[in-house]
């Protein structure tokens, strides 16, 4: 009796475009690609008029503690995401008992439902059999520093550097993919390049990657952040006797800045990749751009005391206004550029989705006082969607995404009643806008940016390709209709055009709904995965034919298809 699943009548994307092919899956692996004759007992999934793509990897996710949450997994699977990489921005649960991340990043990651200690190994094991998604993990440098130095704003001693390096080395030995830093967050903000390089040395020796939310807010300050990254890579490489690959997290700036700084990294001999999401606005802790680091570093109860002290309010107001006004991203119009996403104070729920200026006007106060009141009432557990000074059109983002070292990352934050729409829309938006509408990517490019490159970069094993022997993390994509529907007004609206997804050969999404299967696992770094090759410079945008990308996709598939796709929701 056969124990196969056959995806029949679809198209697999080769270098020269989609080609008609069936895909057979046995167990967790792909066994055949091409013409497959179904056998008695096979489970046949009709893939007609759909592309069969390798599952996408979200290279920057804050779903660390939420991969078992059905609403989160459904939102990601509907975009084609089968693997998330957590431990981002220098703050997450392991090492330690998870307490620091659960407090300081309460508005970003939230508390973990089960992890209470045991390190990277225990955290990754907590994913096995509890989620429809796979999850990889980066050792967070800020959490490591907290475990050794606490909240103190001072250089680490030699002994403390050694102890921090030991924690990083242990995390790498337990399967972490690399090290992350968040140099605008505490306590990472207290670490200099030399200290970070000491933490990166064991990463380089283990073949991992250094992933950084760079210091200084990106945008016009990008060059300083890149220069520091070059210094860290150089120092760590010397200490380790091995090169340190780097990855720039959520690289947001004008295209000319991004491309020039990537060229600087290449000129310096640094093996660099980056992720960037297809939106202009960002999302982070409300306190990050407004509060002095020494206040953000305090335990919540102490921070609330400072925020509520009338004698301190004038100084905090002045400091907050100065920080926001000088911000490379915000500037003088900051009250109109910060929209409240999450407030852990039910009495202020009315303010969610409003800008600070609009909410303050409704409350009869001024924007900075209102922001400080929100932070006090929520015990710092508040987040906001942040606009930028120089909004960029899609064509500007397209220049960035065309770079061959780009990979997909949502920076998705699922905590809050009014989150950024990137949580539910990022990957479908890449496909709608940058494949079908603008033609920035071919379908083969999309596979490379959203699956192949991140799999190789982070050592995720035999994933990222539809070929015999690969793990059967597979996504069926309707190329004509795939689209994001989430907006800033309706940020949780689910993507359309991806209704069937397999993880490790098991259907986890069928007809757009979760099946209840939980084959996801914590992914440990695979030393067998090669480094991404040095690639060509970005190509100029290709000429578009008179026929639209939507029409070209529809025609190419309809010409190859032999039967019609079932109606949405129909059983396979």
Protein backbone atom coordinates (compact mmCIF):
# COMPACT_ATOMS: atom_id res chain seq x y z
CA UNK A 1 0.00 0.00 0.00
CA UNK A 2 1.42 3.41 -1.00
CA UNK A 3 2.22 5.95 1.68
CA UNK A 4 2.80 8.82 -0.72
CA UNK A 5 1.34 12.26 -1.19
CA UNK A 6 1.34 13.40 -4.82
CA UNK A 7 0.97 17.07 -5.72
CA UNK A 8 -0.42 16.70 -9.21
CA UNK A 9 -0.85 19.08 -12.12
CA UNK A 10 1.12 22.03 -10.77
CA UNK A 11 4.30 23.76 -11.90
CA UNK A 12 7.75 23.77 -10.32
CA UNK A 13 9.92 26.84 -10.74
CA UNK A 14 13.23 26.29 -12.54
CA UNK A 15 15.83 28.91 -13.40
CA UNK A 16 14.06 29.68 -16.68
CA UNK A 17 10.59 29.86 -15.14
CA UNK A 18 7.68 27.62 -14.12
CA UNK A 19 7.54 24.17 -15.75
CA UNK A 20 4.76 21.60 -15.45
CA UNK A 21 5.67 18.92 -12.90
CA UNK A 22 4.15 16.65 -10.29
CA UNK A 23 5.83 16.23 -6.90
CA UNK A 24 5.77 13.02 -4.87
CA UNK A 25 6.39 13.05 -1.12
CA UNK A 26 7.07 10.10 1.16
CA UNK A 27 7.52 10.68 4.85
CA UNK A 28 9.16 14.07 5.33
CA UNK A 29 11.03 14.11 2.01
CA UNK A 30 10.43 14.81 -1.65
CA UNK A 31 11.06 11.61 -3.62
CA UNK A 32 10.16 12.51 -7.19
CA UNK A 33 9.71 15.62 -9.33
CA UNK A 34 8.35 15.32 -12.87
CA UNK A 35 5.63 13.11 -14.27
CA UNK A 36 4.31 11.02 -11.38
CA UNK A 37 1.72 8.30 -11.94
CA UNK A 38 -0.45 7.99 -8.84
CA UNK A 39 -0.57 4.55 -7.28
CA UNK A 40 -3.32 2.92 -5.22
CA UNK A 41 -3.27 4.43 -1.74
CA UNK A 42 -1.61 7.70 -2.80
CA UNK A 43 -3.07 10.89 -1.39
CA UNK A 44 -3.43 13.17 -4.42
CA UNK A 45 -3.53 16.94 -4.00
CA UNK A 46 -4.72 18.82 -7.09
CA UNK A 47 -2.13 21.54 -7.77
CA UNK A 48 -3.47 22.61 -11.17
CA UNK A 49 -2.78 26.26 -12.03
CA UNK A 50 -0.61 26.62 -8.96
CA UNK A 51 3.11 26.84 -8.39
CA UNK A 52 4.73 24.29 -6.07
CA UNK A 53 7.38 26.27 -4.20
CA UNK A 54 9.69 25.49 -1.28
CA UNK A 55 8.39 26.87 2.01
CA UNK A 56 9.42 30.44 2.75
CA UNK A 57 11.76 31.39 5.59
CA UNK A 58 10.96 34.51 7.61
CA UNK A 59 14.52 35.63 8.33
CA UNK A 60 13.42 38.12 10.99
CA UNK A 61 10.48 37.11 13.16
CA UNK A 62 9.23 37.91 16.65
CA UNK A 63 6.99 34.83 16.81
CA UNK A 64 9.51 33.22 19.22
CA UNK A 65 6.95 32.46 21.91
CA UNK A 66 3.94 32.28 19.62
CA UNK A 67 4.70 29.47 17.16
CA UNK A 68 2.10 27.29 18.91
CA UNK A 69 -0.60 29.99 18.65
CA UNK A 70 -3.05 28.97 15.89
CA UNK A 71 -3.82 32.58 14.90
CA UNK A 72 -0.12 33.26 14.40
CA UNK A 73 0.61 30.05 12.52
CA UNK A 74 -2.39 30.56 10.25
CA UNK A 75 -1.33 34.13 9.43
CA UNK A 76 2.17 32.92 8.51
CA UNK A 77 1.12 29.80 6.60
CA UNK A 78 -1.35 31.82 4.53
CA UNK A 79 1.72 33.76 3.32
CA UNK A 80 3.67 30.57 2.58
CA UNK A 81 6.01 30.85 5.59
CA UNK A 82 7.03 27.45 6.97
CA UNK A 83 10.07 28.50 9.05
CA UNK A 84 10.67 31.51 11.29
CA UNK A 85 13.98 32.67 12.71
CA UNK A 86 13.67 34.08 16.23
CA UNK A 87 16.02 35.35 18.87
CA UNK A 88 16.15 38.68 17.05
CA UNK A 89 17.29 42.16 18.07
CA UNK A 90 19.44 40.88 20.92
CA UNK A 91 16.54 40.00 23.25
CA UNK A 92 14.79 36.65 23.65
CA UNK A 93 14.26 33.85 26.13
CA UNK A 94 17.45 31.74 26.16
CA UNK A 95 19.92 31.65 27.82
CA UNK A 96 18.46 32.12 31.27
CA UNK A 97 14.92 31.59 32.48
CA UNK A 98 13.23 33.85 29.91
CA UNK A 99 12.35 36.49 32.47
CA UNK A 100 14.26 39.40 30.95
CA UNK A 101 12.75 39.01 27.47
CA UNK A 102 9.28 38.38 28.91
CA UNK A 103 9.53 41.72 30.70
CA UNK A 104 11.53 44.08 28.50
CA UNK A 105 10.19 42.65 25.21
CA UNK A 106 6.67 42.01 26.56
CA UNK A 107 5.23 44.19 23.78
CA UNK A 108 7.34 42.51 21.08
CA UNK A 109 7.76 38.81 21.89
CA UNK A 110 5.46 38.42 24.87
CA UNK A 111 6.05 35.73 27.53
CA UNK A 112 6.89 32.20 26.43
CA UNK A 113 4.10 29.73 27.24
CA UNK A 114 6.38 26.91 28.48
CA UNK A 115 10.08 27.81 28.51
CA UNK A 116 11.43 28.51 32.00
CA UNK A 117 15.10 27.70 31.45
CA UNK A 118 17.41 25.09 30.01
CA UNK A 119 19.09 27.14 27.30
CA UNK A 120 18.89 27.03 23.53
CA UNK A 121 18.48 23.25 23.48
CA UNK A 122 15.37 23.37 25.67
CA UNK A 123 13.90 26.32 23.79
CA UNK A 124 14.29 24.58 20.42
CA UNK A 125 12.91 21.34 21.87
CA UNK A 126 9.80 23.23 22.99
CA UNK A 127 8.86 23.69 19.31
CA UNK A 128 8.97 19.99 18.45
CA UNK A 129 5.46 18.63 18.01
CA UNK A 130 3.76 21.80 19.29
CA UNK A 131 3.62 23.92 16.13
CA UNK A 132 2.76 23.70 12.45
CA UNK A 133 5.87 25.82 11.81
CA UNK A 134 9.60 25.25 12.09
CA UNK A 135 11.65 27.69 14.15
CA UNK A 136 15.34 28.50 14.23
CA UNK A 137 17.01 30.62 16.90
CA UNK A 138 19.78 33.19 17.26
CA UNK A 139 21.55 33.61 20.61
CA UNK A 140 20.51 37.14 21.70
CA UNK A 141 23.52 39.20 22.77
CA UNK A 142 21.48 41.51 25.01
CA UNK A 143 20.05 38.59 26.96
CA UNK A 144 23.54 37.13 27.29
CA UNK A 145 24.80 40.42 28.73
CA UNK A 146 21.87 40.61 31.13
CA UNK A 147 22.69 37.13 32.41
CA UNK A 148 26.25 38.20 33.23
CA UNK A 149 26.20 41.98 33.83
CA UNK A 150 22.57 42.65 34.65
CA UNK A 151 21.25 46.07 33.66
CA UNK A 152 24.47 47.99 34.31
CA UNK A 153 25.68 50.67 31.91
CA UNK A 154 29.43 50.00 31.94
CA UNK A 155 32.03 48.07 29.98
CA UNK A 156 32.21 44.37 30.80
CA UNK A 157 35.29 43.12 32.60
CA UNK A 158 37.58 40.55 30.98
CA UNK A 159 36.07 37.84 33.16
CA UNK A 160 32.54 38.91 32.21
CA UNK A 161 33.46 38.84 28.52
CA UNK A 162 34.76 35.32 28.97
CA UNK A 163 31.57 34.22 30.71
CA UNK A 164 29.41 35.81 28.03
CA UNK A 165 31.50 34.12 25.34
CA UNK A 166 30.98 30.79 27.09
CA UNK A 167 27.19 31.30 27.04
CA UNK A 168 27.29 32.10 23.33
CA UNK A 169 29.50 29.09 22.63
CA UNK A 170 27.11 26.85 24.55
CA UNK A 171 24.16 28.19 22.58
CA UNK A 172 25.95 27.54 19.30
CA UNK A 173 26.80 24.00 20.41
CA UNK A 174 23.10 23.44 21.16
CA UNK A 175 22.10 24.38 17.62
CA UNK A 176 21.72 28.16 17.46
CA UNK A 177 22.11 29.67 14.00
CA UNK A 178 24.19 32.63 15.13
CA UNK A 179 24.17 35.67 17.40
CA UNK A 180 21.84 38.66 17.24
CA UNK A 181 22.26 42.16 18.60
CA UNK A 182 19.84 45.06 19.01
CA UNK A 183 22.07 48.07 19.48
CA UNK A 184 19.24 50.54 20.11
CA UNK A 185 17.84 48.33 22.90
CA UNK A 186 19.12 47.76 26.42
CA UNK A 187 21.44 46.30 27.48
CA UNK A 188 22.93 45.89 23.95
CA UNK A 189 23.17 49.66 23.70
CA UNK A 190 25.81 49.52 26.45
CA UNK A 191 28.10 47.18 24.47
CA UNK A 192 30.87 48.50 22.24
CA UNK A 193 32.35 46.86 19.15
CA UNK A 194 35.16 45.16 21.08
CA UNK A 195 32.73 43.51 23.50
CA UNK A 196 30.43 42.40 20.70
CA UNK A 197 33.39 41.00 18.75
CA UNK A 198 34.33 38.89 21.77
CA UNK A 199 30.82 37.41 21.73
CA UNK A 200 31.02 36.84 17.98
CA UNK A 201 34.28 34.86 18.08
CA UNK A 202 32.56 31.59 19.12
CA UNK A 203 29.95 32.23 16.43
CA UNK A 204 32.64 32.46 13.76
CA UNK A 205 34.32 29.29 15.03
CA UNK A 206 31.00 27.42 14.88
CA UNK A 207 30.18 28.62 11.37
CA UNK A 208 27.27 30.83 12.45
CA UNK A 209 26.13 34.31 11.44
CA UNK A 210 26.15 37.65 13.27
CA UNK A 211 22.75 39.36 12.79
CA UNK A 212 22.45 42.98 13.88
CA UNK A 213 19.82 45.61 14.41
CA UNK A 214 22.45 48.28 13.93
CA UNK A 215 23.09 51.21 16.23
CA UNK A 216 21.69 54.64 15.46
CA UNK A 217 18.29 54.09 13.85
CA UNK A 218 19.46 53.33 10.27
CA UNK A 219 18.30 55.84 7.60
CA UNK A 220 20.83 58.74 7.48
CA UNK A 221 22.87 57.08 10.25
CA UNK A 222 23.38 53.85 8.31
CA UNK A 223 27.07 54.40 7.48
CA UNK A 224 28.02 54.47 11.18
CA UNK A 225 26.17 51.22 11.83
CA UNK A 226 27.84 49.51 8.87
CA UNK A 227 31.28 50.73 9.95
CA UNK A 228 30.73 49.21 13.39
CA UNK A 229 29.61 45.94 11.79
CA UNK A 230 32.81 45.85 9.71
CA UNK A 231 34.89 46.40 12.85
CA UNK A 232 33.06 43.62 14.72
CA UNK A 233 33.55 41.20 11.83
CA UNK A 234 37.25 42.06 11.57
CA UNK A 235 37.94 41.72 15.31
CA UNK A 236 35.91 38.53 15.71
CA UNK A 237 37.55 36.96 12.68
CA UNK A 238 40.99 37.68 14.06
CA UNK A 239 40.10 36.28 17.48
CA UNK A 240 38.45 33.17 16.06
CA UNK A 241 40.81 32.45 13.21
CA UNK A 242 37.72 32.15 11.00
CA UNK A 243 35.67 34.67 9.04
CA UNK A 244 32.43 35.99 10.50
CA UNK A 245 29.51 36.30 8.07
CA UNK A 246 27.15 39.16 8.95
CA UNK A 247 23.51 39.92 8.28
CA UNK A 248 21.89 43.36 8.51
CA UNK A 249 18.45 43.09 10.09
CA UNK A 250 15.48 45.00 8.61
CA UNK A 251 17.71 47.23 6.47
CA UNK A 252 15.64 50.38 5.99
CA UNK A 253 16.99 53.49 4.30
CA UNK A 254 16.88 55.14 0.89
CA UNK A 255 17.97 52.75 -1.85
CA UNK A 256 21.08 54.79 -2.63
CA UNK A 257 22.17 54.48 1.01
CA UNK A 258 21.43 50.76 1.25
CA UNK A 259 23.21 49.87 -1.99
CA UNK A 260 26.21 52.09 -1.23
CA UNK A 261 26.66 50.57 2.23
CA UNK A 262 26.33 47.02 0.92
CA UNK A 263 29.11 47.93 -1.51
CA UNK A 264 31.18 49.15 1.46
CA UNK A 265 30.74 45.79 3.17
CA UNK A 266 31.83 43.98 0.02
CA UNK A 267 34.81 46.34 -0.38
CA UNK A 268 35.83 45.55 3.21
CA UNK A 269 35.76 41.83 2.41
CA UNK A 270 32.80 41.13 4.71
CA UNK A 271 30.41 38.34 3.67
CA UNK A 272 27.10 40.16 4.17
CA UNK A 273 23.41 39.53 3.59
CA UNK A 274 20.37 41.47 4.72
CA UNK A 275 16.61 41.35 5.07
CA UNK A 276 14.18 44.15 4.29
CA UNK A 277 10.40 44.13 4.39
CA UNK A 278 8.04 45.60 1.75
CA UNK A 279 6.64 48.42 3.89
CA UNK A 280 7.86 51.90 4.73
CA UNK A 281 6.75 52.14 8.37
CA UNK A 282 8.37 50.17 11.17
CA UNK A 283 7.18 48.95 14.56
CA UNK A 284 8.95 48.81 17.92
CA UNK A 285 8.67 49.55 21.62
CA UNK A 286 7.10 52.94 22.28
CA UNK A 287 9.82 53.69 24.81
CA UNK A 288 12.75 52.91 22.53
CA UNK A 289 12.84 56.24 20.64
CA UNK A 290 11.53 58.32 23.56
CA UNK A 291 13.08 57.21 26.86
CA UNK A 292 16.71 57.60 27.92
CA UNK A 293 18.40 54.17 27.96
CA UNK A 294 19.03 54.41 31.70
CA UNK A 295 15.26 54.56 32.27
CA UNK A 296 14.46 51.79 29.79
CA UNK A 297 17.03 49.61 31.55
CA UNK A 298 15.22 49.80 34.89
CA UNK A 299 12.92 47.02 36.11
CA UNK A 300 9.36 47.95 35.19
CA UNK A 301 8.28 48.89 38.71
CA UNK A 302 11.23 51.27 39.09
CA UNK A 303 10.70 52.76 35.64
CA UNK A 304 7.06 53.45 36.47
CA UNK A 305 8.21 55.23 39.61
CA UNK A 306 10.47 57.50 37.57
CA UNK A 307 7.78 58.17 34.95
CA UNK A 308 5.22 59.00 37.64
CA UNK A 309 7.50 61.33 39.63
CA UNK A 310 6.41 64.95 39.01
CA UNK A 311 9.93 66.11 39.83
CA UNK A 312 11.32 64.04 36.95
CA UNK A 313 8.63 64.76 34.36
CA UNK A 314 10.13 67.97 32.94
CA UNK A 315 13.50 66.32 32.36
CA UNK A 316 11.88 63.24 30.81
CA UNK A 317 9.76 65.44 28.53
CA UNK A 318 12.79 67.38 27.35
CA UNK A 319 14.86 64.24 26.84
CA UNK A 320 12.05 62.48 24.96
CA UNK A 321 11.37 65.40 22.65
CA UNK A 322 15.08 65.77 21.92
CA UNK A 323 15.53 62.04 21.21
CA UNK A 324 12.52 61.88 18.88
CA UNK A 325 13.42 65.10 17.08
CA UNK A 326 17.01 63.98 16.50
CA UNK A 327 15.95 60.50 15.42
CA UNK A 328 17.12 59.58 11.94
CA UNK A 329 13.72 57.98 11.30
CA UNK A 330 11.28 60.36 13.03
CA UNK A 331 12.36 64.01 13.28
CA UNK A 332 10.37 67.09 14.31
CA UNK A 333 7.01 65.68 13.16
CA UNK A 334 7.29 62.65 15.47
CA UNK A 335 3.85 63.16 17.15
CA UNK A 336 2.19 62.50 13.77
CA UNK A 337 4.49 59.59 12.89
CA UNK A 338 3.96 57.34 15.92
CA UNK A 339 0.76 55.26 15.91
CA UNK A 340 -0.10 53.22 18.99
CA UNK A 341 -0.18 49.46 18.36
CA UNK A 342 -0.25 47.83 21.81
CA UNK A 343 -0.91 49.23 25.29
CA UNK A 344 -1.05 46.87 28.26
CA UNK A 345 -3.49 49.16 30.07
CA UNK A 346 -7.15 48.40 29.27
CA UNK A 347 -8.26 51.91 30.20
CA UNK A 348 -6.24 53.26 27.27
CA UNK A 349 -7.47 50.79 24.65
CA UNK A 350 -9.36 53.65 22.99
CA UNK A 351 -6.03 55.09 21.84
CA UNK A 352 -4.95 52.07 19.78
CA UNK A 353 -4.63 52.93 16.10
CA UNK A 354 -4.31 56.67 16.83
CA UNK A 355 -1.20 58.79 16.42
CA UNK A 356 0.28 60.31 19.54
CA UNK A 357 -0.93 63.74 18.45
CA UNK A 358 -4.50 62.55 17.87
CA UNK A 359 -4.62 60.53 21.09
CA UNK A 360 -3.14 63.38 23.12
CA UNK A 361 -5.71 65.83 21.71
CA UNK A 362 -8.51 63.46 22.69
CA UNK A 363 -7.03 63.16 26.19
CA UNK A 364 -6.56 66.93 26.52
CA UNK A 365 -2.80 66.79 26.93
CA UNK A 366 0.32 67.11 24.82
CA UNK A 367 1.90 64.25 22.80
CA UNK A 368 4.98 63.69 24.96
CA UNK A 369 3.05 63.81 28.23
CA UNK A 370 0.54 61.35 26.78
CA UNK A 371 3.34 59.02 25.65
CA UNK A 372 4.89 59.09 29.12
CA UNK A 373 1.47 58.46 30.70
CA UNK A 374 0.96 55.46 28.39
CA UNK A 375 4.36 54.04 29.32
CA UNK A 376 3.65 54.44 33.03
CA UNK A 377 0.14 52.97 32.84
CA UNK A 378 1.34 49.98 30.79
CA UNK A 379 4.51 49.38 32.86
CA UNK A 380 6.49 50.05 29.63
CA UNK A 381 4.53 47.34 27.76
CA UNK A 382 3.56 49.45 24.78
CA UNK A 383 4.48 49.38 21.11
CA UNK A 384 3.91 51.64 18.14
CA UNK A 385 3.99 51.70 14.36
CA UNK A 386 6.56 54.28 13.28
CA UNK A 387 6.51 56.25 10.03
CA UNK A 388 9.74 57.61 8.55
CA UNK A 389 10.72 61.10 7.44
CA UNK A 390 11.22 60.14 3.80
CA UNK A 391 8.48 57.78 2.59
CA UNK A 392 9.74 55.60 -0.25
CA UNK A 393 7.67 54.40 -3.21
CA UNK A 394 7.52 50.74 -4.14
CA UNK A 395 9.91 51.37 -7.01
CA UNK A 396 12.51 52.56 -4.49
CA UNK A 397 12.08 49.41 -2.41
CA UNK A 398 12.32 47.38 -5.61
CA UNK A 399 15.90 48.61 -6.11
CA UNK A 400 16.76 47.25 -2.67
CA UNK A 401 14.98 43.93 -3.14
CA UNK A 402 16.73 43.39 -6.48
CA UNK A 403 20.06 43.06 -4.68
CA UNK A 404 21.12 39.38 -4.76
CA UNK A 405 22.01 39.36 -1.05
CA UNK A 406 18.49 40.35 0.04
CA UNK A 407 16.20 37.87 1.76
CA UNK A 408 12.66 38.07 3.03
CA UNK A 409 11.98 39.10 6.61
CA UNK A 410 8.82 40.51 8.14
CA UNK A 411 10.06 41.78 11.53
CA UNK A 412 6.54 40.65 12.44
CA UNK A 413 5.33 41.58 15.92
CA UNK A 414 2.08 39.78 16.77
CA UNK A 415 1.49 41.30 20.21
CA UNK A 416 -1.21 43.96 20.31
CA UNK A 417 -4.68 44.80 19.10
CA UNK A 418 -3.48 47.03 16.26
CA UNK A 419 -0.18 45.56 14.99
CA UNK A 420 1.76 46.45 11.86
CA UNK A 421 0.22 44.73 8.78
CA UNK A 422 3.58 43.12 7.98
CA UNK A 423 2.66 40.32 10.40
CA UNK A 424 -0.05 39.08 8.05
CA UNK A 425 1.03 40.46 4.70
CA UNK A 426 4.79 40.56 4.11
CA UNK A 427 5.42 37.49 1.98
CA UNK A 428 2.22 37.71 -0.04
CA UNK A 429 3.05 41.37 -0.66
CA UNK A 430 6.47 40.41 -2.04
CA UNK A 431 4.75 38.09 -4.51
CA UNK A 432 1.93 40.43 -5.49
CA UNK A 433 3.91 43.62 -5.85
CA UNK A 434 7.46 42.61 -6.72
CA UNK A 435 6.80 39.56 -8.88
CA UNK A 436 3.41 40.07 -10.47
CA UNK A 437 2.98 43.85 -10.62
CA UNK A 438 6.43 45.45 -10.82
CA UNK A 439 8.34 42.51 -12.26
CA UNK A 440 11.32 43.15 -9.95
CA UNK A 441 11.69 39.39 -9.43
CA UNK A 442 10.97 36.41 -11.59
CA UNK A 443 9.39 33.46 -9.80
CA UNK A 444 12.86 31.89 -9.67
CA UNK A 445 14.16 35.08 -8.01
CA UNK A 446 11.34 34.90 -5.47
CA UNK A 447 12.33 31.34 -4.54
CA UNK A 448 15.93 32.47 -4.08
CA UNK A 449 15.12 35.53 -1.94
CA UNK A 450 12.40 33.97 0.19
CA UNK A 451 13.67 30.40 0.58
CA UNK A 452 16.94 29.31 -1.03
CA UNK A 453 19.23 32.07 0.25
CA UNK A 454 18.01 32.09 3.88
CA UNK A 455 18.18 28.29 4.02
CA UNK A 456 21.83 28.35 2.96
CA UNK A 457 22.73 31.39 5.04
CA UNK A 458 21.37 30.03 8.30
CA UNK A 459 22.21 26.36 7.79
CA UNK A 460 18.66 24.99 7.67
CA UNK A 461 19.53 21.69 5.99
CA UNK A 462 17.89 20.20 2.90
CA UNK A 463 15.27 22.89 2.44
CA UNK A 464 14.80 25.74 0.01
CA UNK A 465 14.37 23.68 -3.18
CA UNK A 466 11.82 21.39 -4.78
CA UNK A 467 14.01 18.42 -5.62
CA UNK A 468 14.34 14.75 -4.64
CA UNK A 469 15.84 14.39 -1.17
CA UNK A 470 14.78 17.83 0.06
CA UNK A 471 12.58 18.20 3.12
CA UNK A 472 8.99 18.53 1.92
CA UNK A 473 8.20 21.99 3.27
CA UNK A 474 6.03 22.95 0.30
CA UNK A 475 3.71 25.81 -0.59
CA UNK A 476 1.08 25.88 -3.35
CA UNK A 477 0.79 29.40 -4.75
CA UNK A 478 -1.86 30.79 -7.07
CA UNK A 479 0.36 33.17 -9.07
CA UNK A 480 -2.55 35.16 -10.48
CA UNK A 481 -4.36 35.84 -7.20
CA UNK A 482 -1.80 35.69 -4.39
CA UNK A 483 -1.99 38.98 -2.50
CA UNK A 484 -1.78 40.63 0.88
CA UNK A 485 -5.00 42.09 2.25
CA UNK A 486 -3.70 43.49 5.56
CA UNK A 487 -3.62 47.27 5.81
CA UNK A 488 -2.71 49.76 8.54
CA UNK A 489 -6.45 50.08 9.22
CA UNK A 490 -7.11 46.29 9.15
CA UNK A 491 -3.71 44.85 10.05
CA UNK A 492 -4.78 41.26 10.78
CA UNK A 493 -6.52 40.57 7.47
CA UNK A 494 -5.13 37.32 6.05
CA UNK A 495 -3.32 36.88 2.75
CA UNK A 496 -5.07 35.15 -0.15
CA UNK A 497 -3.81 32.85 -2.89
CA UNK A 498 -1.97 30.33 -0.69
CA UNK A 499 -4.42 27.73 0.58
CA UNK A 500 -2.35 24.54 0.85
CA UNK A 501 0.95 24.11 2.71
CA UNK A 502 2.94 21.03 3.77
CA UNK A 503 5.58 20.96 6.50
CA UNK A 504 7.81 17.88 6.57
CA UNK A 505 5.42 16.26 4.10
CA UNK A 506 2.34 16.73 6.29
CA UNK A 507 -0.49 19.06 5.25
CA UNK A 508 -0.75 21.86 7.81
CA UNK A 509 -2.95 24.20 5.75
CA UNK A 510 -5.75 22.83 3.56
CA UNK A 511 -8.24 25.04 1.76
CA UNK A 512 -6.89 28.01 3.70
CA UNK A 513 -7.58 26.49 7.12
CA UNK A 514 -5.30 24.80 9.65
CA UNK A 515 -5.45 21.01 9.62
CA UNK A 516 -4.40 20.68 13.26
CA UNK A 517 -1.22 18.77 12.39
CA UNK A 518 1.88 19.88 14.32
CA UNK A 519 4.96 18.60 12.47
CA UNK A 520 7.07 21.70 13.13
CA UNK A 521 10.41 21.41 14.87
CA UNK A 522 13.14 23.50 16.36
CA UNK A 523 15.76 23.67 13.61
CA UNK A 524 19.39 23.35 14.62
CA UNK A 525 22.19 24.70 12.47
CA UNK A 526 23.28 22.23 9.83
CA UNK A 527 27.03 22.36 9.16
CA UNK A 528 26.41 20.68 5.81
CA UNK A 529 24.70 23.79 4.42
CA UNK A 530 27.21 25.73 2.31
CA UNK A 531 27.76 29.46 2.60
CA UNK A 532 25.92 31.51 -0.01
CA UNK A 533 28.24 32.13 -2.97
CA UNK A 534 29.50 35.60 -3.74
CA UNK A 535 27.02 36.81 -6.28
CA UNK A 536 26.78 39.27 -9.10
CA UNK A 537 25.95 42.93 -8.64
CA UNK A 538 22.27 43.84 -8.73
CA UNK A 539 20.88 43.74 -12.24
CA UNK A 540 18.97 46.73 -13.60
CA UNK A 541 15.21 46.37 -13.77
CA UNK A 542 14.30 44.23 -16.73
CA UNK A 543 12.18 45.54 -19.56
CA UNK A 544 8.53 44.67 -19.22
CA UNK A 545 6.55 43.34 -22.13
CA UNK A 546 3.34 44.97 -23.24
CA UNK A 547 1.47 42.18 -21.47
CA UNK A 548 1.27 42.68 -17.68
CA UNK A 549 3.06 40.29 -15.30
CA UNK A 550 -0.37 39.11 -14.13
CA UNK A 551 -1.36 38.27 -17.70
CA UNK A 552 1.98 36.60 -18.40
CA UNK A 553 1.68 34.43 -15.25
CA UNK A 554 -1.90 33.49 -16.05
CA UNK A 555 -1.16 32.62 -19.66
CA UNK A 556 1.99 30.60 -18.98
CA UNK A 557 0.23 28.47 -16.40
CA UNK A 558 -3.02 28.05 -18.28
CA UNK A 559 -1.09 26.87 -21.32
CA UNK A 560 0.60 24.17 -19.26
CA UNK A 561 -2.27 23.10 -17.02
CA UNK A 562 -4.32 20.04 -17.92
CA UNK A 563 -7.17 20.53 -15.48
CA UNK A 564 -8.88 23.19 -13.40
CA UNK A 565 -8.09 23.98 -9.80
CA UNK A 566 -10.83 23.09 -7.29
CA UNK A 567 -12.83 25.89 -5.76
CA UNK A 568 -11.32 27.45 -2.63
CA UNK A 569 -12.04 25.27 0.37
CA UNK A 570 -12.80 22.16 -1.69
CA UNK A 571 -11.37 18.89 -0.40
CA UNK A 572 -8.32 17.53 -2.21
